[in-house]
Amino acid sequence: MPEAPDGQKQDSTSRPTPRDTRSWLVVGAVVLVLVALWRLTPLATLLDRRHLAELGHALAASPSAPALVVGVYVALGLVLFPVVPLLAATALVFDPWRALGLGLVGALTSAAVGYTVGRLVGQHRPRWVEGPRFESLRARLRRRGVVTMAVSRVVPVGNFTLANVIAGAIGIRFRDFMVGNALGLLPSLLALTLLSHQLRALGWLS
């Protein structure tokens, strides 16, 4: 059977499949739902500064604080809320050691949830996960998972939750993912904790 001219060759791998279309539709639907929750519900108004300050004082005095903090990190992570303001709020609400521990546990728990979502997305094998052009990059990211995640936290690129979802989808090992996240988050959390401690010492924070 004669081959088609080079300019007319069709690469079957470039054609979208029903499986790819369904995967993107699911991802798009999830994103739309999260955006709608943020825009159309009172969720955004709950993040008013005064309201947050009152909640912070009540939270710091609550014996349920650890569970509540982790729940807030996970819930806001699911609506794509950035992690740095959460780390800053934790540093402002709690004393330094509690802030350091709770911030790290909360952020890592939220990261693990995002990673799990990514693993579920990856099981549908969308084309951007298994395409040949992405294979070499995916292999390098897998080999250097700790470094990849640490650098992405020290120099934040994109949304915290989306980065976690992508890491899960491309198959970075979970251990490397968690270690890299911890190493990358610690500098920011330490800096925010020390800053809030100094502000308290100067009397700038009640």
C-alpha atoms as a PDB file:
ATOM      1  CA  MET A   1       0.000   0.000   0.000  1.00  0.00           C
ATOM      2  CA  PRO A   2       1.640   3.300  -1.037  1.00  0.00           C
ATOM      3  CA  GLU A   3       2.494   5.765   1.658  1.00  0.00           C
ATOM      4  CA  ALA A   4       0.864   9.162   1.702  1.00  0.00           C
ATOM      5  CA  PRO A   5       3.155  12.122   0.956  1.00  0.00           C
ATOM      6  CA  ASP A   6       5.058  13.440   3.944  1.00  0.00           C
ATOM      7  CA  GLY A   7       2.920  16.542   4.107  1.00  0.00           C
ATOM      8  CA  GLN A   8      -0.233  14.424   4.173  1.00  0.00           C
ATOM      9  CA  LYS A   9       0.795  11.795   6.747  1.00  0.00           C
ATOM     10  CA  GLN A  10      -1.558  11.582   9.672  1.00  0.00           C
ATOM     11  CA  ASP A  11      -0.182  10.700  13.054  1.00  0.00           C
ATOM     12  CA  SER A  12      -2.816   8.632  14.827  1.00  0.00           C
ATOM     13  CA  THR A  13      -1.319   9.609  18.181  1.00  0.00           C
ATOM     14  CA  SER A  14      -2.314  13.240  17.563  1.00  0.00           C
ATOM     15  CA  ARG A  15      -6.003  12.438  17.213  1.00  0.00           C
ATOM     16  CA  PRO A  16      -8.056  13.036  20.365  1.00  0.00           C
ATOM     17  CA  THR A  17      -9.779   9.906  21.607  1.00  0.00           C
ATOM     18  CA  PRO A  18     -13.123   9.672  23.449  1.00  0.00           C
ATOM     19  CA  ARG A  19     -11.180   8.765  26.590  1.00  0.00           C
ATOM     20  CA  ASP A  20      -9.112  11.967  26.360  1.00  0.00           C
ATOM     21  CA  THR A  21     -12.234  14.034  25.731  1.00  0.00           C
ATOM     22  CA  ARG A  22     -13.972  12.564  28.776  1.00  0.00           C
ATOM     23  CA  SER A  23     -10.920  13.228  30.947  1.00  0.00           C
ATOM     24  CA  TRP A  24     -10.771  16.873  29.960  1.00  0.00           C
ATOM     25  CA  LEU A  25     -14.517  17.261  30.422  1.00  0.00           C
ATOM     26  CA  VAL A  26     -14.248  15.882  33.967  1.00  0.00           C
ATOM     27  CA  VAL A  27     -11.329  18.180  34.812  1.00  0.00           C
ATOM     28  CA  GLY A  28     -13.137  21.163  33.285  1.00  0.00           C
ATOM     29  CA  ALA A  29     -16.330  20.400  35.208  1.00  0.00           C
ATOM     30  CA  VAL A  30     -14.427  20.174  38.488  1.00  0.00           C
ATOM     31  CA  VAL A  31     -12.706  23.515  37.848  1.00  0.00           C
ATOM     32  CA  LEU A  32     -16.017  25.179  36.959  1.00  0.00           C
ATOM     33  CA  VAL A  33     -17.661  23.874  40.130  1.00  0.00           C
ATOM     34  CA  LEU A  34     -14.788  25.149  42.274  1.00  0.00           C
ATOM     35  CA  VAL A  35     -14.871  28.578  40.630  1.00  0.00           C
ATOM     36  CA  ALA A  36     -18.654  28.738  41.050  1.00  0.00           C
ATOM     37  CA  LEU A  37     -18.344  27.906  44.747  1.00  0.00           C
ATOM     38  CA  TRP A  38     -15.828  30.728  45.143  1.00  0.00           C
ATOM     39  CA  ARG A  39     -17.798  33.295  43.123  1.00  0.00           C
ATOM     40  CA  LEU A  40     -21.430  32.485  43.856  1.00  0.00           C
ATOM     41  CA  THR A  41     -21.405  31.453  47.518  1.00  0.00           C
ATOM     42  CA  PRO A  42     -20.547  33.379  50.713  1.00  0.00           C
ATOM     43  CA  LEU A  43     -17.171  31.619  50.793  1.00  0.00           C
ATOM     44  CA  ALA A  44     -15.250  34.703  49.647  1.00  0.00           C
ATOM     45  CA  THR A  45     -16.974  37.013  52.159  1.00  0.00           C
ATOM     46  CA  LEU A  46     -15.951  34.710  54.971  1.00  0.00           C
ATOM     47  CA  LEU A  47     -12.365  35.720  54.255  1.00  0.00           C
ATOM     48  CA  ASP A  48     -12.893  39.320  55.371  1.00  0.00           C
ATOM     49  CA  ARG A  49      -9.938  40.463  57.504  1.00  0.00           C
ATOM     50  CA  ARG A  50     -11.952  41.313  60.633  1.00  0.00           C
ATOM     51  CA  HIS A  51     -13.897  38.110  60.415  1.00  0.00           C
ATOM     52  CA  LEU A  52     -10.685  36.144  60.043  1.00  0.00           C
ATOM     53  CA  ALA A  53      -9.124  37.904  63.056  1.00  0.00           C
ATOM     54  CA  GLU A  54     -12.069  36.931  65.250  1.00  0.00           C
ATOM     55  CA  LEU A  55     -11.943  33.381  63.989  1.00  0.00           C
ATOM     56  CA  GLY A  56      -8.195  33.295  64.580  1.00  0.00           C
ATOM     57  CA  HIS A  57      -8.477  34.224  68.263  1.00  0.00           C
ATOM     58  CA  ALA A  58     -11.235  31.676  68.799  1.00  0.00           C
ATOM     59  CA  LEU A  59      -9.283  29.034  66.934  1.00  0.00           C
ATOM     60  CA  ALA A  60      -6.078  29.547  68.921  1.00  0.00           C
ATOM     61  CA  ALA A  61      -7.973  28.973  72.169  1.00  0.00           C
ATOM     62  CA  SER A  62      -9.817  25.898  70.936  1.00  0.00           C
ATOM     63  CA  PRO A  63      -8.644  22.396  71.904  1.00  0.00           C
ATOM     64  CA  SER A  64      -9.767  21.308  68.428  1.00  0.00           C
ATOM     65  CA  ALA A  65      -7.333  23.710  66.770  1.00  0.00           C
ATOM     66  CA  PRO A  66      -5.083  21.091  65.093  1.00  0.00           C
ATOM     67  CA  ALA A  67      -7.970  19.281  63.394  1.00  0.00           C
ATOM     68  CA  LEU A  68      -9.642  22.562  62.422  1.00  0.00           C
ATOM     69  CA  VAL A  69      -6.445  23.985  60.926  1.00  0.00           C
ATOM     70  CA  VAL A  70      -5.839  20.885  58.839  1.00  0.00           C
ATOM     71  CA  GLY A  71      -9.472  20.935  57.700  1.00  0.00           C
ATOM     72  CA  VAL A  72      -9.194  24.575  56.621  1.00  0.00           C
ATOM     73  CA  TYR A  73      -6.024  23.868  54.630  1.00  0.00           C
ATOM     74  CA  VAL A  74      -7.651  20.941  52.854  1.00  0.00           C
ATOM     75  CA  ALA A  75     -10.969  22.713  52.195  1.00  0.00           C
ATOM     76  CA  LEU A  76      -9.389  25.897  50.838  1.00  0.00           C
ATOM     77  CA  GLY A  77      -6.876  23.886  48.853  1.00  0.00           C
ATOM     78  CA  LEU A  78      -9.758  22.162  47.084  1.00  0.00           C
ATOM     79  CA  VAL A  79     -11.063  25.550  45.915  1.00  0.00           C
ATOM     80  CA  LEU A  80      -7.577  26.494  44.677  1.00  0.00           C
ATOM     81  CA  PHE A  81      -6.900  29.016  47.443  1.00  0.00           C
ATOM     82  CA  PRO A  82      -3.161  29.871  47.537  1.00  0.00           C
ATOM     83  CA  VAL A  83      -1.179  28.321  50.368  1.00  0.00           C
ATOM     84  CA  VAL A  84       1.047  31.289  51.295  1.00  0.00           C
ATOM     85  CA  PRO A  85      -1.783  33.348  52.870  1.00  0.00           C
ATOM     86  CA  LEU A  86      -2.763  30.266  54.876  1.00  0.00           C
ATOM     87  CA  LEU A  87       0.800  29.860  56.132  1.00  0.00           C
ATOM     88  CA  ALA A  88       0.892  33.555  57.022  1.00  0.00           C
ATOM     89  CA  ALA A  89      -2.436  33.341  58.860  1.00  0.00           C
ATOM     90  CA  THR A  90      -1.228  30.305  60.803  1.00  0.00           C
ATOM     91  CA  ALA A  91       1.929  32.171  61.806  1.00  0.00           C
ATOM     92  CA  LEU A  92      -0.130  35.150  62.966  1.00  0.00           C
ATOM     93  CA  VAL A  93      -2.676  33.157  64.967  1.00  0.00           C
ATOM     94  CA  PHE A  94      -0.469  30.682  66.828  1.00  0.00           C
ATOM     95  CA  ASP A  95       2.745  30.870  68.816  1.00  0.00           C
ATOM     96  CA  PRO A  96       5.881  30.052  66.765  1.00  0.00           C
ATOM     97  CA  TRP A  97       6.230  26.339  67.519  1.00  0.00           C
ATOM     98  CA  ARG A  98       2.531  25.591  67.061  1.00  0.00           C
ATOM     99  CA  ALA A  99       2.451  27.691  63.921  1.00  0.00           C
ATOM    100  CA  LEU A 100       5.405  25.825  62.468  1.00  0.00           C
ATOM    101  CA  GLY A 101       3.943  22.404  63.212  1.00  0.00           C
ATOM    102  CA  LEU A 102       0.355  23.157  62.252  1.00  0.00           C
ATOM    103  CA  GLY A 103       1.328  25.032  59.096  1.00  0.00           C
ATOM    104  CA  LEU A 104       3.539  22.201  57.886  1.00  0.00           C
ATOM    105  CA  VAL A 105       1.017  19.466  58.707  1.00  0.00           C
ATOM    106  CA  GLY A 106      -1.858  21.426  57.171  1.00  0.00           C
ATOM    107  CA  ALA A 107       0.017  22.239  53.967  1.00  0.00           C
ATOM    108  CA  LEU A 108       1.319  18.687  53.548  1.00  0.00           C
ATOM    109  CA  THR A 109      -2.135  17.200  54.144  1.00  0.00           C
ATOM    110  CA  SER A 110      -3.616  19.530  51.547  1.00  0.00           C
ATOM    111  CA  ALA A 111      -0.773  18.614  49.190  1.00  0.00           C
ATOM    112  CA  ALA A 112      -1.470  14.903  49.677  1.00  0.00           C
ATOM    113  CA  VAL A 113      -5.149  15.428  48.834  1.00  0.00           C
ATOM    114  CA  GLY A 114      -4.221  17.277  45.649  1.00  0.00           C
ATOM    115  CA  TYR A 115      -1.743  14.531  44.755  1.00  0.00           C
ATOM    116  CA  THR A 116      -4.482  11.901  45.197  1.00  0.00           C
ATOM    117  CA  VAL A 117      -6.780  13.842  42.861  1.00  0.00           C
ATOM    118  CA  GLY A 118      -3.938  13.923  40.346  1.00  0.00           C
ATOM    119  CA  ARG A 119      -3.444  10.176  40.595  1.00  0.00           C
ATOM    120  CA  LEU A 120      -7.151   9.679  39.849  1.00  0.00           C
ATOM    121  CA  VAL A 121      -6.871  12.009  36.840  1.00  0.00           C
ATOM    122  CA  GLY A 122      -3.788  10.135  35.667  1.00  0.00           C
ATOM    123  CA  GLN A 123      -5.661   6.829  35.676  1.00  0.00           C
ATOM    124  CA  HIS A 124      -7.784   8.149  32.809  1.00  0.00           C
ATOM    125  CA  ARG A 125      -4.520   8.571  30.875  1.00  0.00           C
ATOM    126  CA  PRO A 126      -5.262  11.939  29.278  1.00  0.00           C
ATOM    127  CA  ARG A 127      -3.026  12.612  26.265  1.00  0.00           C
ATOM    128  CA  TRP A 128      -0.981  15.284  28.021  1.00  0.00           C
ATOM    129  CA  VAL A 129       0.096  12.631  30.553  1.00  0.00           C
ATOM    130  CA  GLU A 130       1.129   9.914  28.108  1.00  0.00           C
ATOM    131  CA  GLY A 131       1.970  11.828  24.932  1.00  0.00           C
ATOM    132  CA  PRO A 132       5.429  11.060  23.489  1.00  0.00           C
ATOM    133  CA  ARG A 133       6.495  14.703  23.566  1.00  0.00           C
ATOM    134  CA  PHE A 134       5.912  14.807  27.302  1.00  0.00           C
ATOM    135  CA  GLU A 135       7.449  11.419  28.070  1.00  0.00           C
ATOM    136  CA  SER A 136      11.058  12.609  28.417  1.00  0.00           C
ATOM    137  CA  LEU A 137      10.062  15.514  30.667  1.00  0.00           C
ATOM    138  CA  ARG A 138       7.872  13.235  32.741  1.00  0.00           C
ATOM    139  CA  ALA A 139      10.738  10.774  33.163  1.00  0.00           C
ATOM    140  CA  ARG A 140      13.086  13.529  34.354  1.00  0.00           C
ATOM    141  CA  LEU A 141      10.501  14.839  36.813  1.00  0.00           C
ATOM    142  CA  ARG A 142       9.989  11.347  38.187  1.00  0.00           C
ATOM    143  CA  ARG A 143      13.722  10.820  38.691  1.00  0.00           C
ATOM    144  CA  ARG A 144      14.118  14.172  40.420  1.00  0.00           C
ATOM    145  CA  GLY A 145      10.835  14.324  42.280  1.00  0.00           C
ATOM    146  CA  VAL A 146      12.266  15.679  45.541  1.00  0.00           C
ATOM    147  CA  VAL A 147      14.173  18.476  43.804  1.00  0.00           C
ATOM    148  CA  THR A 148      11.264  19.273  41.488  1.00  0.00           C
ATOM    149  CA  MET A 149       8.781  19.702  44.324  1.00  0.00           C
ATOM    150  CA  ALA A 150      11.204  21.558  46.602  1.00  0.00           C
ATOM    151  CA  VAL A 151      12.086  24.081  43.900  1.00  0.00           C
ATOM    152  CA  SER A 152       8.413  24.569  42.985  1.00  0.00           C
ATOM    153  CA  ARG A 153       7.721  25.526  46.623  1.00  0.00           C
ATOM    154  CA  VAL A 154      10.756  27.744  47.157  1.00  0.00           C
ATOM    155  CA  VAL A 155      10.071  29.516  43.862  1.00  0.00           C
ATOM    156  CA  PRO A 156       6.270  29.154  43.553  1.00  0.00           C
ATOM    157  CA  VAL A 157       5.144  28.543  39.978  1.00  0.00           C
ATOM    158  CA  GLY A 158       1.387  28.455  39.538  1.00  0.00           C
ATOM    159  CA  ASN A 159      -1.225  27.390  42.035  1.00  0.00           C
ATOM    160  CA  PHE A 160      -0.275  25.159  44.984  1.00  0.00           C
ATOM    161  CA  THR A 161      -3.125  22.682  44.466  1.00  0.00           C
ATOM    162  CA  LEU A 162      -2.742  22.494  40.688  1.00  0.00           C
ATOM    163  CA  ALA A 163       0.969  21.748  41.079  1.00  0.00           C
ATOM    164  CA  ASN A 164       0.060  18.895  43.440  1.00  0.00           C
ATOM    165  CA  VAL A 165      -2.523  17.532  41.015  1.00  0.00           C
ATOM    166  CA  ILE A 166      -0.006  17.604  38.151  1.00  0.00           C
ATOM    167  CA  ALA A 167       2.618  15.865  40.299  1.00  0.00           C
ATOM    168  CA  GLY A 168       0.172  13.069  41.038  1.00  0.00           C
ATOM    169  CA  ALA A 169      -0.976  12.789  37.434  1.00  0.00           C
ATOM    170  CA  ILE A 170       2.534  12.421  36.005  1.00  0.00           C
ATOM    171  CA  GLY A 171       3.469   9.818  38.597  1.00  0.00           C
ATOM    172  CA  ILE A 172       6.053  11.443  40.871  1.00  0.00           C
ATOM    173  CA  ARG A 173       6.641   9.013  43.726  1.00  0.00           C
ATOM    174  CA  PHE A 174       4.578   9.902  46.772  1.00  0.00           C
ATOM    175  CA  ARG A 175       7.569   9.773  49.125  1.00  0.00           C
ATOM    176  CA  ASP A 176       9.570  12.125  46.897  1.00  0.00           C
ATOM    177  CA  PHE A 177       6.540  14.358  46.549  1.00  0.00           C
ATOM    178  CA  MET A 178       6.047  14.708  50.308  1.00  0.00           C
ATOM    179  CA  VAL A 179       9.746  15.147  51.131  1.00  0.00           C
ATOM    180  CA  GLY A 180      10.145  17.761  48.417  1.00  0.00           C
ATOM    181  CA  ASN A 181       7.074  19.632  49.623  1.00  0.00           C
ATOM    182  CA  ALA A 182       8.324  19.653  53.210  1.00  0.00           C
ATOM    183  CA  LEU A 183      11.783  20.892  52.222  1.00  0.00           C
ATOM    184  CA  GLY A 184      10.330  23.572  49.971  1.00  0.00           C
ATOM    185  CA  LEU A 185       7.680  24.807  52.402  1.00  0.00           C
ATOM    186  CA  LEU A 186       9.906  25.015  55.475  1.00  0.00           C
ATOM    187  CA  PRO A 187      11.864  28.174  54.478  1.00  0.00           C
ATOM    188  CA  SER A 188       8.684  30.171  53.829  1.00  0.00           C
ATOM    189  CA  LEU A 189       6.993  28.890  56.968  1.00  0.00           C
ATOM    190  CA  LEU A 190      10.050  29.603  59.114  1.00  0.00           C
ATOM    191  CA  ALA A 191      10.344  33.130  57.721  1.00  0.00           C
ATOM    192  CA  LEU A 192       6.647  33.883  58.300  1.00  0.00           C
ATOM    193  CA  THR A 193       6.753  32.414  61.804  1.00  0.00           C
ATOM    194  CA  LEU A 194       9.831  34.406  62.794  1.00  0.00           C
ATOM    195  CA  LEU A 195       8.350  37.586  61.331  1.00  0.00           C
ATOM    196  CA  SER A 196       5.107  37.215  63.280  1.00  0.00           C
ATOM    197  CA  HIS A 197       7.103  36.482  66.438  1.00  0.00           C
ATOM    198  CA  GLN A 198       9.101  39.673  65.990  1.00  0.00           C
ATOM    199  CA  LEU A 199       5.947  41.690  65.345  1.00  0.00           C
ATOM    200  CA  ARG A 200       4.464  40.370  68.574  1.00  0.00           C
ATOM    201  CA  ALA A 201       7.648  41.239  70.464  1.00  0.00           C
ATOM    202  CA  LEU A 202       7.410  44.795  69.122  1.00  0.00           C
ATOM    203  CA  GLY A 203       3.780  45.017  70.193  1.00  0.00           C
ATOM    204  CA  TRP A 204       2.466  45.306  66.661  1.00  0.00           C
ATOM    205  CA  LEU A 205       0.282  42.246  67.033  1.00  0.00           C
ATOM    206  CA  SER A 206      -2.132  41.699  69.900  1.00  0.00           C
END
